[in-house]
Protein backbone atom coordinates (compact mmCIF):
# COMPACT_ATOMS: atom_id res chain seq x y z
CA MET A 1 7.52 16.67 -25.04
CA SER A 2 7.34 14.89 -21.42
CA ARG A 3 5.55 12.04 -20.61
CA ALA A 4 2.76 12.85 -19.22
CA ASP A 5 2.24 15.37 -22.40
CA HIS A 6 1.71 12.44 -24.46
CA PRO A 7 -1.77 11.98 -25.48
CA ALA A 8 -3.21 8.52 -24.87
CA SER A 9 -3.57 7.95 -28.32
CA VAL A 10 0.09 8.57 -29.28
CA ALA A 11 2.59 5.59 -28.08
CA PRO A 12 5.67 7.10 -25.78
CA ASP A 13 8.17 7.69 -27.42
CA PRO A 14 11.28 5.11 -26.67
CA ASP A 15 14.57 7.90 -25.22
CA ASP A 16 11.31 8.49 -22.50
CA GLN A 17 12.22 5.80 -19.64
CA PRO A 18 12.60 5.29 -16.02
CA CYS A 19 16.76 6.13 -14.89
CA SER A 20 18.58 5.08 -11.87
CA ILE A 21 20.23 7.50 -9.56
CA ALA A 22 23.13 6.15 -10.55
CA MET A 23 22.14 6.92 -14.00
CA LEU A 24 21.58 10.57 -13.52
CA ALA A 25 24.79 10.70 -11.41
CA ARG A 26 27.21 9.55 -14.11
CA SER A 27 25.52 11.77 -16.63
CA VAL A 28 25.71 15.01 -14.55
CA GLY A 29 29.34 13.79 -12.97
CA SER A 30 30.17 13.35 -16.43
CA GLY A 31 29.43 16.54 -17.84
CA ARG A 32 27.04 15.15 -20.46
CA GLN A 33 23.32 14.95 -21.32
CA PRO A 34 22.23 11.35 -20.12
CA ALA A 35 21.88 9.13 -23.65
CA THR A 36 17.84 9.27 -23.09
CA ARG A 37 15.77 11.31 -21.21
CA CYS A 38 15.23 9.95 -17.38
CA TYR A 39 11.89 10.64 -15.85
CA PRO A 40 11.64 9.21 -12.04
CA PRO A 41 9.22 5.65 -12.41
CA ALA A 42 5.65 6.21 -11.41
CA PRO A 43 4.91 5.82 -7.37
CA MET A 44 3.83 2.34 -6.32
CA SER A 45 0.66 1.26 -5.32
CA LEU A 46 0.45 0.78 -1.58
CA ALA A 47 -0.90 -2.47 -2.18
CA ASP A 48 2.17 -2.90 -4.64
CA ARG A 49 4.82 -1.85 -1.69
CA THR A 50 6.08 -4.51 0.89
CA CYS A 51 5.47 -3.72 4.92
CA GLU A 52 8.65 -2.96 6.15
CA PRO A 53 8.99 -3.85 9.97
CA CYS A 54 8.75 -1.55 12.70
CA ARG A 55 11.46 -1.92 15.33
CA GLY A 56 9.64 1.24 17.66
CA GLY A 57 12.01 4.08 17.79
CA VAL A 58 10.06 6.04 15.68
CA PRO A 59 6.74 8.33 16.12
CA PRO A 60 3.88 7.24 14.18
CA LEU A 61 2.80 8.83 11.40
CA SER A 62 1.85 12.42 11.54
CA PRO A 63 -1.96 13.09 11.36
CA ALA A 64 -1.49 14.63 7.80
CA ARG A 65 0.27 11.36 6.37
CA VAL A 66 -2.49 9.65 7.89
CA ALA A 67 -4.89 11.52 5.60
CA ALA A 68 -2.94 11.37 2.44
CA LEU A 69 -2.17 7.60 3.26
CA ALA A 70 -5.92 6.79 4.29
CA ALA A 71 -7.31 8.53 0.77
CA GLU A 72 -5.44 5.39 -0.61
CA VAL A 73 -7.48 2.75 1.51
CA PRO A 74 -11.35 4.68 1.65
CA ASP A 75 -13.10 1.28 2.84
CA TRP A 76 -11.04 1.96 6.04
CA SER A 77 -11.73 3.95 8.54
CA VAL A 78 -9.41 5.97 10.88
CA GLU A 79 -9.81 5.17 14.12
CA GLY A 80 -9.22 7.68 17.16
CA GLY A 81 -5.75 8.28 14.37
CA HIS A 82 -4.34 5.45 16.03
CA HIS A 83 -5.48 2.24 13.92
CA LEU A 84 -7.59 1.23 10.74
CA ARG A 85 -10.89 -0.89 10.99
CA ARG A 86 -12.45 -2.53 7.93
CA GLU A 87 -15.68 -4.38 9.01
CA LEU A 88 -16.49 -7.73 6.09
CA ARG A 89 -19.98 -8.98 5.21
CA PHE A 90 -20.62 -12.34 4.09
CA PRO A 91 -23.67 -14.77 3.87
CA ASP A 92 -22.46 -17.43 6.15
CA PHE A 93 -19.84 -18.32 8.08
CA ARG A 94 -17.61 -20.90 5.89
CA SER A 95 -17.20 -17.50 4.02
CA ALA A 96 -16.60 -15.26 7.14
CA LEU A 97 -13.61 -17.74 7.57
CA ALA A 98 -11.87 -17.85 3.76
CA CYS A 99 -11.23 -14.37 4.35
CA VAL A 100 -9.65 -14.77 7.73
CA ILE A 101 -7.49 -17.93 6.18
CA ALA A 102 -6.85 -15.53 3.06
CA ILE A 103 -5.99 -12.26 5.21
CA GLY A 104 -3.63 -14.40 7.36
CA ALA A 105 -1.69 -15.80 4.99
CA GLU A 106 -0.92 -11.99 3.29
CA ALA A 107 -0.09 -11.31 7.21
CA GLU A 108 2.36 -13.72 7.23
CA ARG A 109 3.98 -13.00 3.91
CA GLN A 110 4.45 -9.21 4.70
CA ALA A 111 5.36 -10.51 8.56
CA HIS A 112 2.67 -7.99 10.05
CA HIS A 113 0.03 -9.22 11.66
CA PRO A 114 -3.64 -7.46 12.19
CA ASP A 115 -6.69 -8.40 14.73
CA LEU A 116 -9.42 -10.30 13.05
CA GLU A 117 -12.30 -10.72 14.88
CA LEU A 118 -14.06 -13.55 13.18
CA GLY A 119 -18.06 -14.24 13.65
CA TRP A 120 -21.35 -15.25 11.44
CA GLY A 121 -20.83 -13.43 8.17
CA ARG A 122 -18.72 -10.70 9.63
CA VAL A 123 -14.42 -9.90 9.85
CA VAL A 124 -13.46 -7.21 11.47
CA VAL A 125 -10.10 -6.22 10.83
CA THR A 126 -7.88 -4.15 12.90
CA LEU A 127 -4.41 -2.90 11.88
CA TRP A 128 -1.90 -0.73 13.89
CA THR A 129 1.63 -0.93 14.49
CA HIS A 130 2.18 -2.07 18.67
CA ALA A 131 5.55 -1.49 18.57
CA ILE A 132 5.02 2.32 17.86
CA ASP A 133 1.53 2.02 19.40
CA GLY A 134 0.11 3.95 16.86
CA LEU A 135 -0.10 3.92 12.61
CA ALA A 136 2.92 3.53 10.42
CA GLU A 137 2.90 3.12 6.73
CA ALA A 138 2.99 -1.13 7.35
CA ASP A 139 -0.45 -0.23 8.32
CA PHE A 140 -1.41 1.30 5.09
CA ILE A 141 -0.21 -1.43 2.92
CA LEU A 142 -1.18 -4.42 4.02
CA ALA A 143 -4.64 -2.77 4.58
CA ALA A 144 -4.20 -1.97 0.63
CA LYS A 145 -3.32 -5.82 -0.02
CA ILE A 146 -6.32 -7.13 1.79
CA ASP A 147 -8.56 -4.83 -0.05
CA ARG A 148 -6.69 -6.86 -3.33
CA LEU A 149 -7.32 -10.20 -1.94
CA PRO A 150 -10.72 -12.34 -4.06
CA ALA A 151 -11.83 -13.32 -0.49
CA VAL A 152 -12.61 -9.28 0.39
CA ARG A 153 -13.28 -8.02 -3.26
CA ALA A 154 -16.04 -10.71 -3.86
CA THR A 155 -17.96 -8.84 -0.22
CA GLY A 156 -18.09 -5.93 -2.95
């Protein structure tokens, strides 16, 4: 029975586990069955990934890939196929400023920096990869990470 076939009330088989390419290669190369049944690990959410720096020289994401990734960050709008935008509302300037500081700290951790517009009770976040003058996966990863920040989640 595959992992996907397990009913929610049944504990997964302990032999069902993610495995590495090396583990699969060893079992295939030896002509024997792996000691455990291997299933690829579940895909990571965007927010659990790390931004990879874009050095340029690669094309921006295709419209199909942009649409697929945009579905994972539904509070963001894709503007002209070129950048992501999200406007956040707050009850006062102090809350908006705290949000900008939180976003800035996450941007520094990811080494990927959005354009931030701060006003009384509002923050506008714009993301795109300047090196390629368009959207890269890092833009969607940072958008998902921003969405997880407590200062952003408090905007409801």
